[in-house]
Amino acid sequence: MSGVWVFKNGVVRLVENGAECSSGRRKVLVHVPTNEVITSYAELEGKLSSLGWERYYDDPDLLQFHKRSTVHLISLPKDFNRFKSMHMYDIVVKNRNMFEVRDM
């Protein structure tokens, strides 16, 4: 894969021939220990709860989780259909070795 890496608004993207590089594949969040694809917030909340994350009810427009032993906060859109790869990577970074993002 060739192209130029562009840093914009705190995000790095590969740009090829003047367009953003995209595999055209949908990304999914996978719980690594069980190899399960997360398909709902109910599933995700169960996995996060088992890792010590608690629901945080400060913002009615977001689904948020906080871990008492850290300063981390996971903020997700209320609608699971708006759950994008940037949200998935946020979960992966804050839960090393427990989740990963894969192409579907």
PDB file of N, CA and C in Angstrom:
ATOM      1  N   MET A   1       0.846  -1.167   0.000  1.00  0.00           N
ATOM      2  CA  MET A   1       0.000   0.000   0.000  1.00  0.00           C
ATOM      3  C   MET A   1       0.893   1.233   0.000  1.00  0.00           C
ATOM      4  N   SER A   2       0.650   2.128  -0.921  1.00  0.00           N
ATOM      5  CA  SER A   2       1.429   3.355  -0.979  1.00  0.00           C
ATOM      6  C   SER A   2       0.502   4.541  -0.798  1.00  0.00           C
ATOM      7  N   GLY A   3       1.084   5.645  -0.425  1.00  0.00           N
ATOM      8  CA  GLY A   3       0.296   6.843  -0.231  1.00  0.00           C
ATOM      9  C   GLY A   3       1.001   7.785   0.709  1.00  0.00           C
ATOM     10  N   VAL A   4       0.245   8.707   1.246  1.00  0.00           N
ATOM     11  CA  VAL A   4       0.772   9.709   2.155  1.00  0.00           C
ATOM     12  C   VAL A   4      -0.027   9.659   3.447  1.00  0.00           C
ATOM     13  N   TRP A   5       0.685   9.641   4.560  1.00  0.00           N
ATOM     14  CA  TRP A   5       0.012   9.698   5.857  1.00  0.00           C
ATOM     15  C   TRP A   5      -0.281  11.155   6.185  1.00  0.00           C
ATOM     16  N   VAL A   6      -1.543  11.460   6.522  1.00  0.00           N
ATOM     17  CA  VAL A   6      -1.970  12.821   6.816  1.00  0.00           C
ATOM     18  C   VAL A   6      -2.479  12.880   8.243  1.00  0.00           C
ATOM     19  N   PHE A   7      -2.000  13.868   8.985  1.00  0.00           N
ATOM     20  CA  PHE A   7      -2.450  14.076  10.357  1.00  0.00           C
ATOM     21  C   PHE A   7      -3.426  15.241  10.348  1.00  0.00           C
ATOM     22  N   LYS A   8      -4.695  15.003  10.737  1.00  0.00           N
ATOM     23  CA  LYS A   8      -5.713  16.041  10.720  1.00  0.00           C
ATOM     24  C   LYS A   8      -6.652  15.836  11.897  1.00  0.00           C
ATOM     25  N   ASN A   9      -6.870  16.885  12.675  1.00  0.00           N
ATOM     26  CA  ASN A   9      -7.775  16.838  13.832  1.00  0.00           C
ATOM     27  C   ASN A   9      -7.430  15.709  14.793  1.00  0.00           C
ATOM     28  N   GLY A  10      -6.148  15.467  14.991  1.00  0.00           N
ATOM     29  CA  GLY A  10      -5.706  14.455  15.940  1.00  0.00           C
ATOM     30  C   GLY A  10      -5.794  13.025  15.433  1.00  0.00           C
ATOM     31  N   VAL A  11      -6.061  12.840  14.141  1.00  0.00           N
ATOM     32  CA  VAL A  11      -6.199  11.508  13.567  1.00  0.00           C
ATOM     33  C   VAL A  11      -5.248  11.359  12.390  1.00  0.00           C
ATOM     34  N   VAL A  12      -4.582  10.213  12.303  1.00  0.00           N
ATOM     35  CA  VAL A  12      -3.692   9.930  11.190  1.00  0.00           C
ATOM     36  C   VAL A  12      -4.423   9.019  10.210  1.00  0.00           C
ATOM     37  N   ARG A  13      -4.398   9.390   8.923  1.00  0.00           N
ATOM     38  CA  ARG A  13      -5.057   8.599   7.876  1.00  0.00           C
ATOM     39  C   ARG A  13      -4.115   8.442   6.690  1.00  0.00           C
ATOM     40  N   LEU A  14      -4.236   7.305   6.013  1.00  0.00           N
ATOM     41  CA  LEU A  14      -3.486   7.089   4.788  1.00  0.00           C
ATOM     42  C   LEU A  14      -4.302   7.610   3.618  1.00  0.00           C
ATOM     43  N   VAL A  15      -3.696   8.502   2.823  1.00  0.00           N
ATOM     44  CA  VAL A  15      -4.376   9.076   1.671  1.00  0.00           C
ATOM     45  C   VAL A  15      -3.678   8.568   0.409  1.00  0.00           C
ATOM     46  N   GLU A  16      -4.458   7.962  -0.492  1.00  0.00           N
ATOM     47  CA  GLU A  16      -3.936   7.471  -1.766  1.00  0.00           C
ATOM     48  C   GLU A  16      -4.576   8.230  -2.912  1.00  0.00           C
ATOM     49  N   ASN A  17      -3.780   8.736  -3.806  1.00  0.00           N
ATOM     50  CA  ASN A  17      -4.284   9.422  -5.005  1.00  0.00           C
ATOM     51  C   ASN A  17      -5.337  10.476  -4.683  1.00  0.00           C
ATOM     52  N   GLY A  18      -5.133  11.224  -3.616  1.00  0.00           N
ATOM     53  CA  GLY A  18      -6.052  12.297  -3.266  1.00  0.00           C
ATOM     54  C   GLY A  18      -7.311  11.854  -2.551  1.00  0.00           C
ATOM     55  N   ALA A  19      -7.439  10.579  -2.241  1.00  0.00           N
ATOM     56  CA  ALA A  19      -8.628  10.082  -1.531  1.00  0.00           C
ATOM     57  C   ALA A  19      -8.188   9.259  -0.332  1.00  0.00           C
ATOM     58  N   GLU A  20      -9.020   9.236   0.683  1.00  0.00           N
ATOM     59  CA  GLU A  20      -8.695   8.438   1.854  1.00  0.00           C
ATOM     60  C   GLU A  20      -8.719   6.962   1.496  1.00  0.00           C
ATOM     61  N   CYS A  21      -7.742   6.246   2.032  1.00  0.00           N
ATOM     62  CA  CYS A  21      -7.663   4.813   1.792  1.00  0.00           C
ATOM     63  C   CYS A  21      -8.727   4.104   2.616  1.00  0.00           C
ATOM     64  N   SER A  22      -9.451   3.232   1.971  1.00  0.00           N
ATOM     65  CA  SER A  22     -10.507   2.495   2.666  1.00  0.00           C
ATOM     66  C   SER A  22     -10.584   1.091   2.109  1.00  0.00           C
ATOM     67  N   SER A  23     -10.658   0.119   2.990  1.00  0.00           N
ATOM     68  CA  SER A  23     -10.734  -1.268   2.538  1.00  0.00           C
ATOM     69  C   SER A  23     -12.139  -1.612   2.095  1.00  0.00           C
ATOM     70  N   GLY A  24     -13.116  -0.774   2.429  1.00  0.00           N
ATOM     71  CA  GLY A  24     -14.493  -1.055   2.069  1.00  0.00           C
ATOM     72  C   GLY A  24     -15.130  -2.085   2.981  1.00  0.00           C
ATOM     73  N   ARG A  25     -14.376  -2.566   3.922  1.00  0.00           N
ATOM     74  CA  ARG A  25     -14.881  -3.569   4.856  1.00  0.00           C
ATOM     75  C   ARG A  25     -15.373  -2.907   6.124  1.00  0.00           C
ATOM     76  N   ARG A  26     -16.355  -3.538   6.716  1.00  0.00           N
ATOM     77  CA  ARG A  26     -16.889  -3.061   7.984  1.00  0.00           C
ATOM     78  C   ARG A  26     -15.989  -3.552   9.112  1.00  0.00           C
ATOM     79  N   LYS A  27     -15.767  -2.723  10.091  1.00  0.00           N
ATOM     80  CA  LYS A  27     -14.958  -3.084  11.251  1.00  0.00           C
ATOM     81  C   LYS A  27     -15.869  -3.643  12.336  1.00  0.00           C
ATOM     82  N   VAL A  28     -15.347  -4.600  13.097  1.00  0.00           N
ATOM     83  CA  VAL A  28     -16.085  -5.153  14.228  1.00  0.00           C
ATOM     84  C   VAL A  28     -15.175  -5.185  15.440  1.00  0.00           C
ATOM     85  N   LEU A  29     -15.776  -5.068  16.614  1.00  0.00           N
ATOM     86  CA  LEU A  29     -15.062  -5.163  17.875  1.00  0.00           C
ATOM     87  C   LEU A  29     -15.158  -6.601  18.357  1.00  0.00           C
ATOM     88  N   VAL A  30     -14.010  -7.193  18.692  1.00  0.00           N
ATOM     89  CA  VAL A  30     -13.968  -8.589  19.120  1.00  0.00           C
ATOM     90  C   VAL A  30     -13.422  -8.669  20.537  1.00  0.00           C
ATOM     91  N   HIS A  31     -14.119  -9.424  21.383  1.00  0.00           N
ATOM     92  CA  HIS A  31     -13.638  -9.713  22.732  1.00  0.00           C
ATOM     93  C   HIS A  31     -12.656 -10.867  22.594  1.00  0.00           C
ATOM     94  N   VAL A  32     -11.371 -10.607  22.791  1.00  0.00           N
ATOM     95  CA  VAL A  32     -10.309 -11.563  22.491  1.00  0.00           C
ATOM     96  C   VAL A  32     -10.401 -12.858  23.299  1.00  0.00           C
ATOM     97  N   PRO A  33     -10.607 -12.826  24.630  1.00  0.00           N
ATOM     98  CA  PRO A  33     -10.620 -14.080  25.377  1.00  0.00           C
ATOM     99  C   PRO A  33     -11.687 -15.087  24.913  1.00  0.00           C
ATOM    100  N   THR A  34     -12.823 -14.594  24.427  1.00  0.00           N
ATOM    101  CA  THR A  34     -13.897 -15.483  23.992  1.00  0.00           C
ATOM    102  C   THR A  34     -14.034 -15.534  22.470  1.00  0.00           C
ATOM    103  N   ASN A  35     -13.289 -14.670  21.759  1.00  0.00           N
ATOM    104  CA  ASN A  35     -13.360 -14.548  20.310  1.00  0.00           C
ATOM    105  C   ASN A  35     -14.769 -14.201  19.829  1.00  0.00           C
ATOM    106  N   GLU A  36     -15.534 -13.464  20.651  1.00  0.00           N
ATOM    107  CA  GLU A  36     -16.896 -13.060  20.309  1.00  0.00           C
ATOM    108  C   GLU A  36     -16.898 -11.675  19.671  1.00  0.00           C
ATOM    109  N   VAL A  37     -17.685 -11.533  18.605  1.00  0.00           N
ATOM    110  CA  VAL A  37     -17.909 -10.227  18.005  1.00  0.00           C
ATOM    111  C   VAL A  37     -18.988  -9.535  18.829  1.00  0.00           C
ATOM    112  N   ILE A  38     -18.726  -8.297  19.219  1.00  0.00           N
ATOM    113  CA  ILE A  38     -19.691  -7.519  19.992  1.00  0.00           C
ATOM    114  C   ILE A  38     -20.743  -6.977  19.031  1.00  0.00           C
ATOM    115  N   THR A  39     -22.004  -7.381  19.235  1.00  0.00           N
ATOM    116  CA  THR A  39     -23.081  -6.986  18.324  1.00  0.00           C
ATOM    117  C   THR A  39     -24.126  -6.099  18.984  1.00  0.00           C
ATOM    118  N   SER A  40     -23.936  -5.788  20.269  1.00  0.00           N
ATOM    119  CA  SER A  40     -24.892  -4.910  20.960  1.00  0.00           C
ATOM    120  C   SER A  40     -24.205  -4.270  22.163  1.00  0.00           C
ATOM    121  N   TYR A  41     -24.823  -3.203  22.638  1.00  0.00           N
ATOM    122  CA  TYR A  41     -24.300  -2.557  23.832  1.00  0.00           C
ATOM    123  C   TYR A  41     -24.501  -3.425  25.069  1.00  0.00           C
ATOM    124  N   ALA A  42     -25.528  -4.253  25.084  1.00  0.00           N
ATOM    125  CA  ALA A  42     -25.746  -5.156  26.222  1.00  0.00           C
ATOM    126  C   ALA A  42     -24.557  -6.118  26.358  1.00  0.00           C
ATOM    127  N   GLU A  43     -24.107  -6.664  25.237  1.00  0.00           N
ATOM    128  CA  GLU A  43     -22.934  -7.549  25.254  1.00  0.00           C
ATOM    129  C   GLU A  43     -21.698  -6.791  25.706  1.00  0.00           C
ATOM    130  N   LEU A  44     -21.502  -5.609  25.147  1.00  0.00           N
ATOM    131  CA  LEU A  44     -20.335  -4.799  25.484  1.00  0.00           C
ATOM    132  C   LEU A  44     -20.342  -4.431  26.959  1.00  0.00           C
ATOM    133  N   GLU A  45     -21.495  -4.026  27.470  1.00  0.00           N
ATOM    134  CA  GLU A  45     -21.578  -3.641  28.884  1.00  0.00           C
ATOM    135  C   GLU A  45     -21.227  -4.818  29.788  1.00  0.00           C
ATOM    136  N   GLY A  46     -21.662  -6.014  29.430  1.00  0.00           N
ATOM    137  CA  GLY A  46     -21.323  -7.197  30.216  1.00  0.00           C
ATOM    138  C   GLY A  46     -19.825  -7.449  30.254  1.00  0.00           C
ATOM    139  N   LYS A  47     -19.173  -7.320  29.102  1.00  0.00           N
ATOM    140  CA  LYS A  47     -17.719  -7.541  29.025  1.00  0.00           C
ATOM    141  C   LYS A  47     -16.971  -6.451  29.794  1.00  0.00           C
ATOM    142  N   LEU A  48     -17.395  -5.199  29.618  1.00  0.00           N
ATOM    143  CA  LEU A  48     -16.730  -4.098  30.327  1.00  0.00           C
ATOM    144  C   LEU A  48     -16.936  -4.197  31.831  1.00  0.00           C
ATOM    145  N   SER A  49     -18.134  -4.581  32.256  1.00  0.00           N
ATOM    146  CA  SER A  49     -18.414  -4.729  33.693  1.00  0.00           C
ATOM    147  C   SER A  49     -17.494  -5.766  34.327  1.00  0.00           C
ATOM    148  N   SER A  50     -17.251  -6.850  33.612  1.00  0.00           N
ATOM    149  CA  SER A  50     -16.374  -7.899  34.146  1.00  0.00           C
ATOM    150  C   SER A  50     -14.925  -7.419  34.259  1.00  0.00           C
ATOM    151  N   LEU A  51     -14.594  -6.342  33.559  1.00  0.00           N
ATOM    152  CA  LEU A  51     -13.249  -5.766  33.622  1.00  0.00           C
ATOM    153  C   LEU A  51     -13.162  -4.594  34.604  1.00  0.00           C
ATOM    154  N   GLY A  52     -14.246  -4.327  35.330  1.00  0.00           N
ATOM    155  CA  GLY A  52     -14.229  -3.266  36.332  1.00  0.00           C
ATOM    156  C   GLY A  52     -14.786  -1.929  35.874  1.00  0.00           C
ATOM    157  N   TRP A  53     -15.353  -1.863  34.674  1.00  0.00           N
ATOM    158  CA  TRP A  53     -15.943  -0.630  34.179  1.00  0.00           C
ATOM    159  C   TRP A  53     -17.355  -0.499  34.717  1.00  0.00           C
ATOM    160  N   GLU A  54     -17.745   0.714  35.071  1.00  0.00           N
ATOM    161  CA  GLU A  54     -19.080   0.993  35.600  1.00  0.00           C
ATOM    162  C   GLU A  54     -19.778   2.000  34.691  1.00  0.00           C
ATOM    163  N   ARG A  55     -21.103   1.856  34.578  1.00  0.00           N
ATOM    164  CA  ARG A  55     -21.888   2.824  33.800  1.00  0.00           C
ATOM    165  C   ARG A  55     -21.809   4.176  34.474  1.00  0.00           C
ATOM    166  N   TYR A  56     -21.698   5.202  33.680  1.00  0.00           N
ATOM    167  CA  TYR A  56     -21.592   6.577  34.137  1.00  0.00           C
ATOM    168  C   TYR A  56     -22.767   7.311  33.506  1.00  0.00           C
ATOM    169  N   TYR A  57     -23.635   7.889  34.320  1.00  0.00           N
ATOM    170  CA  TYR A  57     -24.895   8.450  33.829  1.00  0.00           C
ATOM    171  C   TYR A  57     -24.906   9.974  33.764  1.00  0.00           C
ATOM    172  N   ASP A  58     -23.780  10.598  33.490  1.00  0.00           N
ATOM    173  CA  ASP A  58     -23.687  12.055  33.503  1.00  0.00           C
ATOM    174  C   ASP A  58     -24.315  12.713  32.274  1.00  0.00           C
ATOM    175  N   ASP A  59     -24.227  12.080  31.112  1.00  0.00           N
ATOM    176  CA  ASP A  59     -24.713  12.678  29.863  1.00  0.00           C
ATOM    177  C   ASP A  59     -25.810  11.802  29.264  1.00  0.00           C
ATOM    178  N   PRO A  60     -27.037  12.321  29.164  1.00  0.00           N
ATOM    179  CA  PRO A  60     -28.146  11.503  28.643  1.00  0.00           C
ATOM    180  C   PRO A  60     -28.025  11.164  27.156  1.00  0.00           C
ATOM    181  N   ASP A  61     -27.158  11.851  26.422  1.00  0.00           N
ATOM    182  CA  ASP A  61     -27.002  11.599  24.991  1.00  0.00           C
ATOM    183  C   ASP A  61     -25.924  10.574  24.671  1.00  0.00           C
ATOM    184  N   LEU A  62     -25.205  10.127  25.696  1.00  0.00           N
ATOM    185  CA  LEU A  62     -24.107   9.191  25.495  1.00  0.00           C
ATOM    186  C   LEU A  62     -24.230   7.988  26.424  1.00  0.00           C
ATOM    187  N   LEU A  63     -23.644   6.894  26.001  1.00  0.00           N
ATOM    188  CA  LEU A  63     -23.466   5.733  26.857  1.00  0.00           C
ATOM    189  C   LEU A  63     -22.017   5.806  27.332  1.00  0.00           C
ATOM    190  N   GLN A  64     -21.820   5.942  28.642  1.00  0.00           N
ATOM    191  CA  GLN A  64     -20.467   6.152  29.148  1.00  0.00           C
ATOM    192  C   GLN A  64     -20.112   5.132  30.215  1.00  0.00           C
ATOM    193  N   PHE A  65     -18.817   4.796  30.245  1.00  0.00           N
ATOM    194  CA  PHE A  65     -18.287   3.865  31.231  1.00  0.00           C
ATOM    195  C   PHE A  65     -17.049   4.470  31.861  1.00  0.00           C
ATOM    196  N   HIS A  66     -16.912   4.245  33.165  1.00  0.00           N
ATOM    197  CA  HIS A  66     -15.769   4.759  33.913  1.00  0.00           C
ATOM    198  C   HIS A  66     -15.180   3.628  34.732  1.00  0.00           C
ATOM    199  N   LYS A  67     -13.862   3.628  34.843  1.00  0.00           N
ATOM    200  CA  LYS A  67     -13.175   2.638  35.666  1.00  0.00           C
ATOM    201  C   LYS A  67     -12.578   3.372  36.855  1.00  0.00           C
ATOM    202  N   ARG A  68     -13.004   3.000  38.043  1.00  0.00           N
ATOM    203  CA  ARG A  68     -12.597   3.732  39.256  1.00  0.00           C
ATOM    204  C   ARG A  68     -11.096   3.827  39.443  1.00  0.00           C
ATOM    205  N   SER A  69     -10.365   2.806  39.085  1.00  0.00           N
ATOM    206  CA  SER A  69      -8.925   2.793  39.310  1.00  0.00           C
ATOM    207  C   SER A  69      -8.147   3.631  38.289  1.00  0.00           C
ATOM    208  N   THR A  70      -8.853   4.259  37.337  1.00  0.00           N
ATOM    209  CA  THR A  70      -8.185   5.049  36.299  1.00  0.00           C
ATOM    210  C   THR A  70      -8.920   6.372  36.090  1.00  0.00           C
ATOM    211  N   VAL A  71      -8.362   7.198  35.248  1.00  0.00           N
ATOM    212  CA  VAL A  71      -9.033   8.444  34.853  1.00  0.00           C
ATOM    213  C   VAL A  71      -9.771   8.259  33.533  1.00  0.00           C
ATOM    214  N   HIS A  72      -9.780   7.052  32.999  1.00  0.00           N
ATOM    215  CA  HIS A  72     -10.371   6.786  31.691  1.00  0.00           C
ATOM    216  C   HIS A  72     -11.890   6.841  31.705  1.00  0.00           C
ATOM    217  N   LEU A  73     -12.424   7.351  30.614  1.00  0.00           N
ATOM    218  CA  LEU A  73     -13.863   7.395  30.383  1.00  0.00           C
ATOM    219  C   LEU A  73     -14.101   6.955  28.945  1.00  0.00           C
ATOM    220  N   ILE A  74     -14.991   6.004  28.758  1.00  0.00           N
ATOM    221  CA  ILE A  74     -15.375   5.562  27.421  1.00  0.00           C
ATOM    222  C   ILE A  74     -16.726   6.186  27.121  1.00  0.00           C
ATOM    223  N   SER A  75     -16.809   6.960  26.047  1.00  0.00           N
ATOM    224  CA  SER A  75     -18.046   7.621  25.642  1.00  0.00           C
ATOM    225  C   SER A  75     -18.475   7.086  24.280  1.00  0.00           C
ATOM    226  N   LEU A  76     -19.713   6.599  24.219  1.00  0.00           N
ATOM    227  CA  LEU A  76     -20.240   5.986  23.008  1.00  0.00           C
ATOM    228  C   LEU A  76     -21.572   6.622  22.645  1.00  0.00           C
ATOM    229  N   PRO A  77     -21.912   6.640  21.358  1.00  0.00           N
ATOM    230  CA  PRO A  77     -23.226   7.164  20.977  1.00  0.00           C
ATOM    231  C   PRO A  77     -24.322   6.245  21.516  1.00  0.00           C
ATOM    232  N   LYS A  78     -25.460   6.800  21.898  1.00  0.00           N
ATOM    233  CA  LYS A  78     -26.576   6.003  22.437  1.00  0.00           C
ATOM    234  C   LYS A  78     -27.034   4.918  21.471  1.00  0.00           C
ATOM    235  N   ASP A  79     -27.022   5.226  20.178  1.00  0.00           N
ATOM    236  CA  ASP A  79     -27.492   4.306  19.144  1.00  0.00           C
ATOM    237  C   ASP A  79     -26.342   3.410  18.688  1.00  0.00           C
ATOM    238  N   PHE A  80     -26.486   2.084  18.852  1.00  0.00           N
ATOM    239  CA  PHE A  80     -25.427   1.149  18.473  1.00  0.00           C
ATOM    240  C   PHE A  80     -25.099   1.233  16.984  1.00  0.00           C
ATOM    241  N   ASN A  81     -26.047   1.645  16.156  1.00  0.00           N
ATOM    242  CA  ASN A  81     -25.795   1.784  14.719  1.00  0.00           C
ATOM    243  C   ASN A  81     -24.793   2.892  14.411  1.00  0.00           C
ATOM    244  N   ARG A  82     -24.565   3.786  15.362  1.00  0.00           N
ATOM    245  CA  ARG A  82     -23.590   4.874  15.190  1.00  0.00           C
ATOM    246  C   ARG A  82     -22.248   4.537  15.847  1.00  0.00           C
ATOM    247  N   PHE A  83     -22.099   3.312  16.320  1.00  0.00           N
ATOM    248  CA  PHE A  83     -20.874   2.798  16.940  1.00  0.00           C
ATOM    249  C   PHE A  83     -19.847   2.562  15.835  1.00  0.00           C
ATOM    250  N   LYS A  84     -18.836   3.407  15.757  1.00  0.00           N
ATOM    251  CA  LYS A  84     -17.862   3.404  14.659  1.00  0.00           C
ATOM    252  C   LYS A  84     -16.499   2.884  15.128  1.00  0.00           C
ATOM    253  N   SER A  85     -15.607   2.716  14.174  1.00  0.00           N
ATOM    254  CA  SER A  85     -14.285   2.172  14.491  1.00  0.00           C
ATOM    255  C   SER A  85     -13.513   3.052  15.473  1.00  0.00           C
ATOM    256  N   MET A  86     -13.712   4.368  15.436  1.00  0.00           N
ATOM    257  CA  MET A  86     -13.000   5.232  16.391  1.00  0.00           C
ATOM    258  C   MET A  86     -13.418   4.907  17.828  1.00  0.00           C
ATOM    259  N   HIS A  87     -14.689   4.538  18.041  1.00  0.00           N
ATOM    260  CA  HIS A  87     -15.143   4.141  19.362  1.00  0.00           C
ATOM    261  C   HIS A  87     -14.534   2.792  19.742  1.00  0.00           C
ATOM    262  N   MET A  88     -14.450   1.903  18.758  1.00  0.00           N
ATOM    263  CA  MET A  88     -13.869   0.576  18.993  1.00  0.00           C
ATOM    264  C   MET A  88     -12.412   0.691  19.405  1.00  0.00           C
ATOM    265  N   TYR A  89     -11.656   1.532  18.695  1.00  0.00           N
ATOM    266  CA  TYR A  89     -10.238   1.695  19.025  1.00  0.00           C
ATOM    267  C   TYR A  89     -10.058   2.338  20.401  1.00  0.00           C
ATOM    268  N   ASP A  90     -10.965   3.193  20.804  1.00  0.00           N
ATOM    269  CA  ASP A  90     -10.915   3.781  22.143  1.00  0.00           C
ATOM    270  C   ASP A  90     -11.035   2.678  23.193  1.00  0.00           C
ATOM    271  N   ILE A  91     -11.936   1.733  22.971  1.00  0.00           N
ATOM    272  CA  ILE A  91     -12.115   0.611  23.892  1.00  0.00           C
ATOM    273  C   ILE A  91     -10.871  -0.274  23.901  1.00  0.00           C
ATOM    274  N   VAL A  92     -10.302  -0.527  22.722  1.00  0.00           N
ATOM    275  CA  VAL A  92      -9.102  -1.362  22.624  1.00  0.00           C
ATOM    276  C   VAL A  92      -7.940  -0.739  23.386  1.00  0.00           C
ATOM    277  N   VAL A  93      -7.714   0.555  23.205  1.00  0.00           N
ATOM    278  CA  VAL A  93      -6.599   1.234  23.860  1.00  0.00           C
ATOM    279  C   VAL A  93      -6.751   1.198  25.383  1.00  0.00           C
ATOM    280  N   LYS A  94      -7.966   1.305  25.870  1.00  0.00           N
ATOM    281  CA  LYS A  94      -8.199   1.358  27.313  1.00  0.00           C
ATOM    282  C   LYS A  94      -8.361  -0.018  27.951  1.00  0.00           C
ATOM    283  N   ASN A  95      -8.323  -1.068  27.130  1.00  0.00           N
ATOM    284  CA  ASN A  95      -8.454  -2.445  27.620  1.00  0.00           C
ATOM    285  C   ASN A  95      -7.504  -3.354  26.856  1.00  0.00           C
ATOM    286  N   ARG A  96      -6.230  -3.092  26.984  1.00  0.00           N
ATOM    287  CA  ARG A  96      -5.209  -3.827  26.236  1.00  0.00           C
ATOM    288  C   ARG A  96      -5.369  -5.335  26.391  1.00  0.00           C
ATOM    289  N   ASN A  97      -5.218  -6.043  25.299  1.00  0.00           N
ATOM    290  CA  ASN A  97      -5.261  -7.508  25.224  1.00  0.00           C
ATOM    291  C   ASN A  97      -6.639  -8.099  25.475  1.00  0.00           C
ATOM    292  N   MET A  98      -7.673  -7.283  25.644  1.00  0.00           N
ATOM    293  CA  MET A  98      -9.014  -7.805  25.894  1.00  0.00           C
ATOM    294  C   MET A  98      -9.929  -7.644  24.686  1.00  0.00           C
ATOM    295  N   PHE A  99      -9.673  -6.628  23.875  1.00  0.00           N
ATOM    296  CA  PHE A  99     -10.479  -6.358  22.685  1.00  0.00           C
ATOM    297  C   PHE A  99      -9.551  -6.074  21.516  1.00  0.00           C
ATOM    298  N   GLU A 100     -10.063  -6.323  20.319  1.00  0.00           N
ATOM    299  CA  GLU A 100      -9.357  -5.894  19.109  1.00  0.00           C
ATOM    300  C   GLU A 100     -10.387  -5.575  18.041  1.00  0.00           C
ATOM    301  N   VAL A 101      -9.958  -4.766  17.070  1.00  0.00           N
ATOM    302  CA  VAL A 101     -10.809  -4.383  15.957  1.00  0.00           C
ATOM    303  C   VAL A 101     -10.369  -5.204  14.756  1.00  0.00           C
ATOM    304  N   ARG A 102     -11.342  -5.821  14.088  1.00  0.00           N
ATOM    305  CA  ARG A 102     -11.053  -6.637  12.910  1.00  0.00           C
ATOM    306  C   ARG A 102     -11.938  -6.208  11.749  1.00  0.00           C
ATOM    307  N   ASP A 103     -11.452  -6.497  10.535  1.00  0.00           N
ATOM    308  CA  ASP A 103     -12.265  -6.308   9.345  1.00  0.00           C
ATOM    309  C   ASP A 103     -13.265  -7.450   9.267  1.00  0.00           C
ATOM    310  N   MET A 104     -14.484  -7.133   8.900  1.00  0.00           N
ATOM    311  CA  MET A 104     -15.528  -8.158   8.773  1.00  0.00           C
ATOM    312  C   MET A 104     -15.455  -8.791   7.417  1.00  0.00           C
TER     313      MET A 104
END
